[in-house]
Amino acid sequence: MWSREVLERISRRLAKLEPEMVRLQEELVARPALSPAYGGEGERDRVEFLRPMLAGWGLQVTEFRAPDPAAPCGYRPSLVARLGGQDRSRTLWVMTHLDVVPAGPRELWETDPFKAVVRDGRIYGRGVEDNQQELVASCFAARVMVELGLKPAFDVALMLVADEEVGSKFGADWLLANQELCRPDDLVVVPDAGNAEGTMLEVAEKSIAWVRFRVLGAQAHASTPALGRNAHRAGAATVLAVDRALHERFTDADSLYSPPESTFEPTRKEANVPNVNTIPGEDVFHFDCRVLPQYRLEEVLAVMKESAERVAGEFGVKVELAQTQWLQAPPPTPADAPVVRMLARAVREVLGRKAKPAGIGGGTVASFFRRLGIATVVWGRATGSAHQPNEFCIIASMREDALVYAHLFGQKLP
């Protein structure tokens, strides 16, 4: 555990490095790491910039390349930057992600989304909060360790991954499945969710199921409905029947999560016919389900199928279901796990606030670690501007977060 004097030295050094932290944000914003699924070229440009920078700071840097034919370079790169600790028996991982989402409609932005603008203590640009605030903060925490000649309590490894915004097939999921990186006793922090105060320690997530429904009827002229089978009407009935059945069947609540119950939301509705006077023969819509982990997703799918088949028989149509995202949540991280207690202490001593374990309705890459039985906590300072127009990062929060990580690096097991 760092002494108060050492923590003050770290804090003073981070204050002097704040302009460099801002410059790194500017460099990253100018290199938009968009997935090929969004029409981008992936993370290569960022990795080519970050790899020599981190190595120049004195970190041991390794690049890993997940094959991806859709990327112009043929792969999706991730980085691991290591710093040796006093106890080499375990590693404290801090995992952030390199990729960002598209900017969205340009007219909704007050500034160029891919040119960082610094104003009133904030940085504006796509990705500055999600996930560059914590990426920059954790990297500079490691840099200060080297510059001040401090040796962390355990080995520290920064994992900067690709593809988080599109499911992690070429990022965390691929790394953990194909590289021998983590051990069961390792400590993992994923800075990819939180609140503005930094008081939420996410230890539990709901299961995620995205399901696509395709209703097949028969197209006809709207003036002769008897010659067709209206897929749109059958689709609307299917939405209501499925929605009702799910809410009647899965009623448990758990106050650890917010919201405490499972959620089942009909969301995307795909276009059918382009003109008003045609009865559609096809109707496509989607459900987004966030399910408490005590329920199996197979149960959810069975209820959906049963309801859809009942409506299909009533309307004389066919309904096809497809799983577009399917992730059964692993068991939560225990609220008293060492990494949770260590991070809570760092937040208390740096920010002066009491952080508490909580669950969320969404999903993060922490699930890939928890699936391996590795205790993982998700934390960060979030304003809620992620994925929105005019996304911003509060510079003071970024610097303070770096001090939280530096404090964490100095702690031994509680």
Protein backbone atom coordinates (compact mmCIF):
# COMPACT_ATOMS: atom_id res chain seq x y z
CA MET A 1 0.00 0.00 0.00
CA TRP A 2 1.45 3.35 -1.01
CA SER A 3 2.09 5.79 1.82
CA ARG A 4 0.32 9.14 1.90
CA GLU A 5 3.58 10.78 0.80
CA VAL A 6 3.87 8.49 -2.22
CA LEU A 7 0.25 9.08 -3.20
CA GLU A 8 0.84 12.84 -3.06
CA ARG A 9 3.88 12.42 -5.33
CA ILE A 10 1.77 10.41 -7.76
CA SER A 11 -0.98 13.02 -7.66
CA ARG A 12 1.45 15.88 -8.33
CA ARG A 13 3.01 14.01 -11.22
CA LEU A 14 -0.38 13.27 -12.78
CA ALA A 15 -1.31 16.94 -12.50
CA LYS A 16 1.80 17.85 -14.50
CA LEU A 17 0.99 15.16 -17.06
CA GLU A 18 -2.61 16.32 -17.55
CA PRO A 19 -1.79 18.24 -20.78
CA GLU A 20 -0.23 15.07 -22.19
CA MET A 21 -3.33 13.09 -21.24
CA VAL A 22 -5.40 15.59 -23.20
CA ARG A 23 -3.02 15.32 -26.17
CA LEU A 24 -3.36 11.54 -26.16
CA GLN A 25 -7.13 11.95 -26.29
CA GLU A 26 -6.70 14.24 -29.29
CA GLU A 27 -4.49 11.70 -31.05
CA LEU A 28 -6.97 8.90 -30.45
CA VAL A 29 -9.99 10.88 -31.62
CA ALA A 30 -8.14 11.64 -34.86
CA ARG A 31 -7.71 7.89 -35.42
CA PRO A 32 -11.32 6.59 -35.44
CA ALA A 33 -11.20 2.87 -34.70
CA LEU A 34 -14.45 1.82 -36.37
CA SER A 35 -15.33 -1.81 -36.94
CA PRO A 36 -15.58 -3.06 -40.53
CA ALA A 37 -19.19 -3.86 -39.58
CA TYR A 38 -19.67 -0.07 -39.40
CA GLY A 39 -17.74 0.62 -42.59
CA GLY A 40 -14.43 1.30 -40.80
CA GLU A 41 -10.97 -0.25 -41.01
CA GLY A 42 -10.65 -1.50 -37.43
CA GLU A 43 -8.09 -0.62 -34.77
CA ARG A 44 -4.80 -0.94 -36.66
CA ASP A 45 -4.08 2.80 -36.92
CA ARG A 46 -4.52 3.26 -33.17
CA VAL A 47 -2.38 0.24 -32.34
CA GLU A 48 0.42 1.43 -34.63
CA PHE A 49 0.39 4.69 -32.67
CA LEU A 50 -0.03 3.28 -29.16
CA ARG A 51 2.41 0.34 -29.32
CA PRO A 52 5.64 2.36 -29.62
CA MET A 53 4.33 5.02 -27.24
CA LEU A 54 3.68 2.52 -24.44
CA ALA A 55 6.96 0.73 -25.08
CA GLY A 56 8.74 4.08 -24.92
CA TRP A 57 7.31 4.60 -21.47
CA GLY A 58 9.05 1.42 -20.28
CA LEU A 59 6.18 -1.05 -20.50
CA GLN A 60 6.55 -4.51 -22.04
CA VAL A 61 4.15 -4.44 -24.99
CA THR A 62 2.78 -7.37 -26.99
CA GLU A 63 0.43 -7.18 -29.96
CA PHE A 64 -2.12 -9.91 -30.67
CA ARG A 65 -3.88 -10.20 -34.04
CA ALA A 66 -7.26 -11.88 -34.43
CA PRO A 67 -7.84 -12.84 -38.10
CA ASP A 68 -10.68 -10.87 -39.67
CA PRO A 69 -11.11 -11.03 -43.46
CA ALA A 70 -13.43 -8.01 -43.33
CA ALA A 71 -10.64 -5.74 -42.09
CA PRO A 72 -8.45 -4.22 -44.84
CA CYS A 73 -5.31 -5.45 -43.06
CA GLY A 74 -6.83 -8.91 -42.50
CA TYR A 75 -6.74 -8.80 -38.71
CA ARG A 76 -7.99 -6.97 -35.62
CA PRO A 77 -5.16 -6.02 -33.23
CA SER A 78 -5.18 -5.84 -29.44
CA LEU A 79 -2.36 -4.85 -27.10
CA VAL A 80 -1.16 -6.02 -23.70
CA ALA A 81 1.25 -3.69 -21.86
CA ARG A 82 2.88 -5.13 -18.73
CA LEU A 83 4.66 -3.77 -15.69
CA GLY A 84 6.36 -6.15 -13.25
CA GLY A 85 5.27 -6.13 -9.63
CA GLN A 86 6.60 -7.19 -6.24
CA ASP A 87 4.45 -10.35 -6.20
CA ARG A 88 4.66 -12.15 -9.56
CA SER A 89 2.16 -14.88 -8.61
CA ARG A 90 -0.82 -13.00 -9.98
CA THR A 91 -1.63 -10.15 -12.35
CA LEU A 92 -3.88 -7.14 -11.91
CA TRP A 93 -5.50 -6.56 -15.29
CA VAL A 94 -7.11 -3.33 -16.45
CA MET A 95 -9.01 -3.98 -19.68
CA THR A 96 -10.16 -1.09 -21.87
CA HIS A 97 -11.26 -1.14 -25.50
CA LEU A 98 -9.84 0.57 -28.56
CA ASP A 99 -12.86 0.73 -30.85
CA VAL A 100 -15.60 3.35 -30.99
CA VAL A 101 -19.09 3.56 -32.47
CA PRO A 102 -19.93 5.69 -35.52
CA ALA A 103 -20.55 9.39 -34.99
CA GLY A 104 -24.16 9.29 -36.20
CA PRO A 105 -25.82 12.27 -37.92
CA ARG A 106 -23.21 14.99 -38.34
CA GLU A 107 -25.78 17.76 -37.92
CA LEU A 108 -26.36 16.70 -34.31
CA TRP A 109 -22.74 17.48 -33.41
CA GLU A 110 -21.63 20.97 -32.44
CA THR A 111 -18.02 20.02 -33.27
CA ASP A 112 -16.26 17.66 -35.66
CA PRO A 113 -16.71 14.24 -33.97
CA PHE A 114 -13.27 13.10 -35.11
CA LYS A 115 -11.35 16.23 -34.11
CA ALA A 116 -11.12 16.63 -30.35
CA VAL A 117 -12.19 20.02 -29.00
CA VAL A 118 -11.12 21.14 -25.51
CA ARG A 119 -13.51 23.58 -23.87
CA ASP A 120 -14.54 24.45 -20.30
CA GLY A 121 -12.68 21.56 -18.71
CA ARG A 122 -14.04 19.02 -21.15
CA ILE A 123 -12.89 17.18 -24.26
CA TYR A 124 -15.48 16.68 -26.99
CA GLY A 125 -15.25 13.96 -29.65
CA ARG A 126 -16.37 10.46 -30.50
CA GLY A 127 -14.92 7.95 -28.05
CA VAL A 128 -13.52 10.39 -25.49
CA GLU A 129 -15.63 8.87 -22.73
CA ASP A 130 -16.27 5.42 -24.18
CA ASN A 131 -13.64 4.15 -23.66
CA GLN A 132 -10.75 6.58 -24.01
CA GLN A 133 -11.17 8.31 -20.65
CA GLU A 134 -10.33 5.11 -18.78
CA LEU A 135 -7.85 3.90 -21.40
CA VAL A 136 -5.84 7.10 -21.04
CA ALA A 137 -6.22 7.16 -17.25
CA SER A 138 -5.02 3.58 -16.77
CA CYS A 139 -2.12 4.01 -19.19
CA PHE A 140 -0.90 7.15 -17.42
CA ALA A 141 -1.23 5.43 -14.04
CA ALA A 142 1.22 2.81 -15.32
CA ARG A 143 3.48 5.50 -16.79
CA VAL A 144 3.73 7.26 -13.43
CA MET A 145 4.74 3.97 -11.78
CA VAL A 146 7.73 3.80 -14.14
CA GLU A 147 8.65 7.47 -13.91
CA LEU A 148 8.62 7.49 -10.09
CA GLY A 149 10.38 4.13 -9.81
CA LEU A 150 7.43 2.51 -8.04
CA LYS A 151 6.89 -1.24 -8.18
CA PRO A 152 3.22 -2.30 -7.98
CA ALA A 153 2.12 -4.85 -5.41
CA PHE A 154 1.36 -7.33 -8.22
CA ASP A 155 2.16 -7.50 -11.90
CA VAL A 156 0.04 -4.94 -13.76
CA ALA A 157 -1.18 -5.61 -17.28
CA LEU A 158 -3.15 -3.19 -19.43
CA MET A 159 -5.28 -5.03 -21.98
CA LEU A 160 -6.38 -2.76 -24.84
CA VAL A 161 -8.78 -4.77 -26.96
CA ALA A 162 -10.46 -4.59 -30.33
CA ASP A 163 -14.10 -5.13 -31.29
CA GLU A 164 -15.83 -4.45 -27.96
CA GLU A 165 -18.57 -2.38 -29.57
CA VAL A 166 -19.62 -5.20 -31.92
CA GLY A 167 -19.54 -8.22 -29.61
CA SER A 168 -15.80 -8.88 -28.94
CA LYS A 169 -15.52 -11.76 -31.44
CA PHE A 170 -12.15 -10.34 -32.51
CA GLY A 171 -11.25 -8.85 -29.14
CA ALA A 172 -11.61 -10.08 -25.56
CA ASP A 173 -13.46 -13.26 -26.54
CA TRP A 174 -10.78 -14.24 -29.06
CA LEU A 175 -7.88 -13.30 -26.76
CA LEU A 176 -9.11 -15.33 -23.81
CA ALA A 177 -9.96 -18.31 -26.00
CA ASN A 178 -6.71 -18.36 -28.00
CA GLN A 179 -4.01 -16.91 -25.73
CA GLU A 180 -2.88 -18.08 -22.30
CA LEU A 181 -3.09 -14.72 -20.60
CA CYS A 182 -5.09 -14.96 -17.37
CA ARG A 183 -4.89 -17.19 -14.32
CA PRO A 184 -7.78 -18.02 -11.96
CA ASP A 185 -6.30 -15.94 -9.12
CA ASP A 186 -5.77 -12.84 -11.25
CA LEU A 187 -7.56 -9.58 -10.47
CA VAL A 188 -9.50 -7.90 -13.29
CA VAL A 189 -10.93 -4.40 -13.62
CA VAL A 190 -12.97 -3.53 -16.71
CA PRO A 191 -13.48 0.26 -16.86
CA ASP A 192 -16.51 0.28 -19.15
CA ALA A 193 -19.53 1.18 -17.00
CA GLY A 194 -20.24 3.30 -13.98
CA ASN A 195 -21.73 6.55 -12.76
CA ALA A 196 -20.48 10.12 -12.63
CA GLU A 197 -19.56 9.85 -8.94
CA GLY A 198 -17.50 6.66 -9.35
CA THR A 199 -19.49 4.90 -6.62
CA MET A 200 -20.78 1.93 -8.62
CA LEU A 201 -18.78 -1.29 -8.59
CA GLU A 202 -20.47 -3.51 -11.16
CA VAL A 203 -20.22 -7.15 -10.12
CA ALA A 204 -23.23 -8.68 -11.90
CA GLU A 205 -24.86 -8.50 -15.30
CA LYS A 206 -28.03 -9.81 -16.84
CA SER A 207 -28.08 -12.33 -19.65
CA ILE A 208 -28.63 -10.85 -23.11
CA ALA A 209 -30.83 -12.24 -25.87
CA TRP A 210 -31.52 -10.46 -29.13
CA VAL A 211 -34.09 -12.31 -31.21
CA ARG A 212 -35.20 -11.59 -34.78
CA PHE A 213 -38.76 -12.54 -35.75
CA ARG A 214 -39.66 -13.05 -39.41
CA VAL A 215 -43.38 -13.42 -40.14
CA LEU A 216 -44.19 -14.89 -43.57
CA GLY A 217 -47.66 -14.44 -45.03
CA ALA A 218 -48.78 -13.77 -48.59
CA GLN A 219 -48.55 -10.44 -50.40
CA ALA A 220 -51.66 -9.06 -52.11
CA HIS A 221 -53.32 -5.84 -53.25
CA ALA A 222 -54.78 -3.98 -50.29
CA SER A 223 -58.20 -3.93 -52.00
CA THR A 224 -58.31 -7.74 -52.11
CA PRO A 225 -57.21 -8.86 -48.63
CA ALA A 226 -58.83 -12.26 -49.03
CA LEU A 227 -56.14 -13.12 -51.60
CA GLY A 228 -53.33 -12.56 -49.12
CA ARG A 229 -52.27 -13.13 -45.53
CA ASN A 230 -51.26 -9.89 -43.88
CA ALA A 231 -47.84 -10.48 -42.29
CA HIS A 232 -47.87 -7.02 -40.73
CA ARG A 233 -51.10 -7.69 -38.81
CA ALA A 234 -49.82 -11.11 -37.74
CA GLY A 235 -46.52 -9.53 -36.75
CA ALA A 236 -48.24 -6.94 -34.58
CA ALA A 237 -50.23 -9.68 -32.87
CA THR A 238 -47.02 -11.67 -32.37
CA VAL A 239 -45.28 -8.71 -30.73
CA LEU A 240 -48.11 -8.28 -28.24
CA ALA A 241 -48.46 -12.00 -27.52
CA VAL A 242 -44.74 -12.55 -27.00
CA ASP A 243 -44.40 -9.41 -24.88
CA ARG A 244 -47.30 -10.45 -22.65
CA ALA A 245 -46.10 -14.05 -22.26
CA LEU A 246 -42.56 -13.05 -21.31
CA HIS A 247 -43.68 -10.59 -18.65
CA GLU A 248 -46.14 -13.09 -17.17
CA ARG A 249 -43.58 -15.92 -17.05
CA PHE A 250 -40.38 -14.21 -15.83
CA THR A 251 -41.45 -12.18 -12.81
CA ASP A 252 -38.50 -12.43 -10.41
CA ALA A 253 -36.82 -9.23 -9.20
CA ASP A 254 -33.40 -8.65 -7.64
CA SER A 255 -32.57 -5.31 -6.02
CA LEU A 256 -28.87 -5.74 -6.92
CA TYR A 257 -29.78 -4.78 -10.48
CA SER A 258 -31.17 -1.60 -11.96
CA PRO A 259 -33.86 -2.12 -13.09
CA PRO A 260 -34.41 -5.04 -10.70
CA GLU A 261 -36.52 -7.17 -13.06
CA SER A 262 -35.85 -8.82 -16.41
CA THR A 263 -36.67 -6.57 -19.36
CA PHE A 264 -38.21 -7.62 -22.68
CA GLU A 265 -38.43 -4.86 -25.27
CA PRO A 266 -39.62 -5.00 -28.87
CA THR A 267 -37.20 -2.65 -30.61
CA ARG A 268 -36.19 -2.61 -34.26
CA LYS A 269 -38.91 -2.82 -36.92
CA GLU A 270 -37.64 -3.50 -40.44
CA ALA A 271 -39.31 -2.01 -43.52
CA ASN A 272 -41.82 -4.16 -45.39
CA VAL A 273 -43.59 -2.93 -48.54
CA PRO A 274 -42.74 0.54 -49.90
CA ASN A 275 -46.29 1.51 -50.86
CA VAL A 276 -49.54 1.92 -48.95
CA ASN A 277 -51.80 -0.19 -51.16
CA THR A 278 -49.97 -3.51 -50.81
CA ILE A 279 -50.57 -6.05 -48.08
CA PRO A 280 -47.12 -7.15 -46.90
CA GLY A 281 -46.20 -10.79 -47.15
CA GLU A 282 -43.26 -10.40 -44.77
CA ASP A 283 -42.84 -8.61 -41.45
CA VAL A 284 -39.57 -8.50 -39.49
CA PHE A 285 -39.00 -7.17 -35.98
CA HIS A 286 -36.62 -7.70 -33.07
CA PHE A 287 -36.74 -8.17 -29.28
CA ASP A 288 -33.99 -7.05 -26.89
CA CYS A 289 -34.13 -9.11 -23.68
CA ARG A 290 -32.04 -8.51 -20.54
CA VAL A 291 -32.72 -11.46 -18.26
CA LEU A 292 -31.86 -12.10 -14.62
CA PRO A 293 -29.17 -14.83 -14.55
CA GLN A 294 -31.30 -17.32 -12.58
CA TYR A 295 -33.32 -17.83 -15.77
CA ARG A 296 -31.89 -19.81 -18.69
CA LEU A 297 -32.15 -18.11 -22.04
CA GLU A 298 -33.42 -21.37 -23.50
CA GLU A 299 -36.53 -20.88 -21.33
CA VAL A 300 -37.02 -17.42 -22.78
CA LEU A 301 -36.71 -18.72 -26.33
CA ALA A 302 -39.19 -21.52 -25.63
CA VAL A 303 -41.80 -19.02 -24.38
CA MET A 304 -41.23 -16.88 -27.48
CA LYS A 305 -41.64 -19.84 -29.83
CA GLU A 306 -44.78 -21.08 -28.11
CA SER A 307 -46.44 -17.66 -28.32
CA ALA A 308 -45.36 -17.09 -31.92
CA GLU A 309 -46.59 -20.49 -33.06
CA ARG A 310 -49.98 -19.87 -31.45
CA VAL A 311 -50.37 -16.59 -33.34
CA ALA A 312 -49.10 -18.16 -36.55
CA GLY A 313 -51.83 -20.79 -36.38
CA GLU A 314 -54.48 -18.16 -35.78
CA PHE A 315 -53.44 -16.01 -38.77
CA GLY A 316 -52.32 -18.74 -41.15
CA VAL A 317 -48.74 -17.47 -41.38
CA LYS A 318 -45.28 -18.84 -40.60
CA VAL A 319 -42.98 -17.29 -37.96
CA GLU A 320 -39.21 -17.85 -37.94
CA LEU A 321 -37.00 -16.93 -34.97
CA ALA A 322 -33.26 -16.27 -35.11
CA GLN A 323 -30.87 -15.50 -32.23
CA THR A 324 -28.72 -12.51 -33.23
CA GLN A 325 -27.03 -12.09 -29.83
CA TRP A 326 -27.06 -14.74 -27.14
CA LEU A 327 -25.10 -14.49 -23.91
CA GLN A 328 -26.00 -16.37 -20.77
CA ALA A 329 -24.63 -14.36 -17.86
CA PRO A 330 -21.99 -16.15 -15.77
CA PRO A 331 -22.25 -16.13 -11.97
CA PRO A 332 -21.68 -12.68 -10.43
CA THR A 333 -18.41 -11.66 -8.87
CA PRO A 334 -18.75 -11.98 -5.09
CA ALA A 335 -19.31 -8.58 -3.51
CA ASP A 336 -16.47 -9.27 -1.07
CA ALA A 337 -13.96 -10.46 -3.69
CA PRO A 338 -10.46 -8.97 -3.13
CA VAL A 339 -10.51 -6.91 -6.35
CA VAL A 340 -13.88 -5.38 -5.36
CA ARG A 341 -12.66 -4.45 -1.90
CA MET A 342 -9.38 -3.07 -3.27
CA LEU A 343 -11.12 -0.86 -5.80
CA ALA A 344 -13.63 0.33 -3.18
CA ARG A 345 -10.71 1.38 -0.98
CA ALA A 346 -9.04 3.25 -3.85
CA VAL A 347 -12.27 5.13 -4.61
CA ARG A 348 -12.77 6.00 -0.95
CA GLU A 349 -9.25 7.30 -0.41
CA VAL A 350 -8.89 9.15 -3.73
CA LEU A 351 -12.41 10.44 -4.33
CA GLY A 352 -13.67 10.46 -0.74
CA ARG A 353 -16.75 8.43 -1.66
CA LYS A 354 -18.16 5.07 -0.65
CA ALA A 355 -18.49 2.72 -3.62
CA LYS A 356 -20.93 -0.18 -3.51
CA PRO A 357 -21.36 -3.39 -5.52
CA ALA A 358 -24.21 -3.31 -8.03
CA GLY A 359 -25.63 -5.12 -11.03
CA ILE A 360 -26.58 -3.69 -14.42
CA GLY A 361 -29.10 -4.48 -17.12
CA GLY A 362 -26.57 -4.34 -19.91
CA GLY A 363 -23.60 -6.53 -20.64
CA THR A 364 -19.84 -5.89 -20.70
CA VAL A 365 -16.75 -7.84 -21.62
CA ALA A 366 -16.40 -8.68 -17.92
CA SER A 367 -18.59 -11.68 -18.73
CA PHE A 368 -15.73 -13.31 -20.66
CA PHE A 369 -13.53 -13.23 -17.54
CA ARG A 370 -16.31 -14.29 -15.19
CA ARG A 371 -17.04 -17.23 -17.46
CA LEU A 372 -13.50 -18.42 -16.66
CA GLY A 373 -14.12 -18.05 -12.93
CA ILE A 374 -11.97 -14.93 -12.61
CA ALA A 375 -13.29 -12.30 -10.18
CA THR A 376 -13.92 -9.15 -12.21
CA VAL A 377 -15.26 -5.71 -11.33
CA VAL A 378 -16.49 -3.10 -13.80
CA TRP A 379 -15.86 0.53 -12.84
CA GLY A 380 -15.49 3.96 -14.36
CA ARG A 381 -16.65 7.57 -14.21
CA ALA A 382 -19.43 8.01 -16.76
CA THR A 383 -21.37 11.16 -17.61
CA GLY A 384 -23.83 9.30 -19.79
CA SER A 385 -22.66 10.93 -23.03
CA ALA A 386 -21.27 7.70 -24.51
CA HIS A 387 -22.64 6.90 -27.99
CA GLN A 388 -24.43 10.26 -28.05
CA PRO A 389 -23.79 13.31 -30.21
CA ASN A 390 -21.32 15.71 -28.55
CA GLU A 391 -19.80 12.95 -26.43
CA PHE A 392 -17.49 14.44 -23.83
CA CYS A 393 -14.95 13.59 -21.16
CA ILE A 394 -14.35 15.64 -18.02
CA ILE A 395 -10.60 16.25 -17.85
CA ALA A 396 -10.46 16.40 -14.04
CA SER A 397 -12.27 13.05 -13.82
CA MET A 398 -9.77 11.48 -16.21
CA ARG A 399 -6.86 12.66 -14.06
CA GLU A 400 -8.55 11.54 -10.82
CA ASP A 401 -9.32 8.14 -12.36
CA ALA A 402 -5.63 7.74 -13.13
CA LEU A 403 -4.93 8.31 -9.43
CA VAL A 404 -7.54 5.68 -8.51
CA TYR A 405 -5.73 3.13 -10.70
CA ALA A 406 -2.36 4.14 -9.29
CA HIS A 407 -3.73 3.68 -5.77
CA LEU A 408 -5.08 0.26 -6.80
CA PHE A 409 -1.68 -0.77 -8.20
CA GLY A 410 -0.09 -0.24 -4.80
CA GLN A 411 -2.48 -2.43 -2.80
CA LYS A 412 -1.83 -5.94 -1.56
CA LEU A 413 -4.67 -8.41 -1.02
CA PRO A 414 -7.04 -7.33 1.76
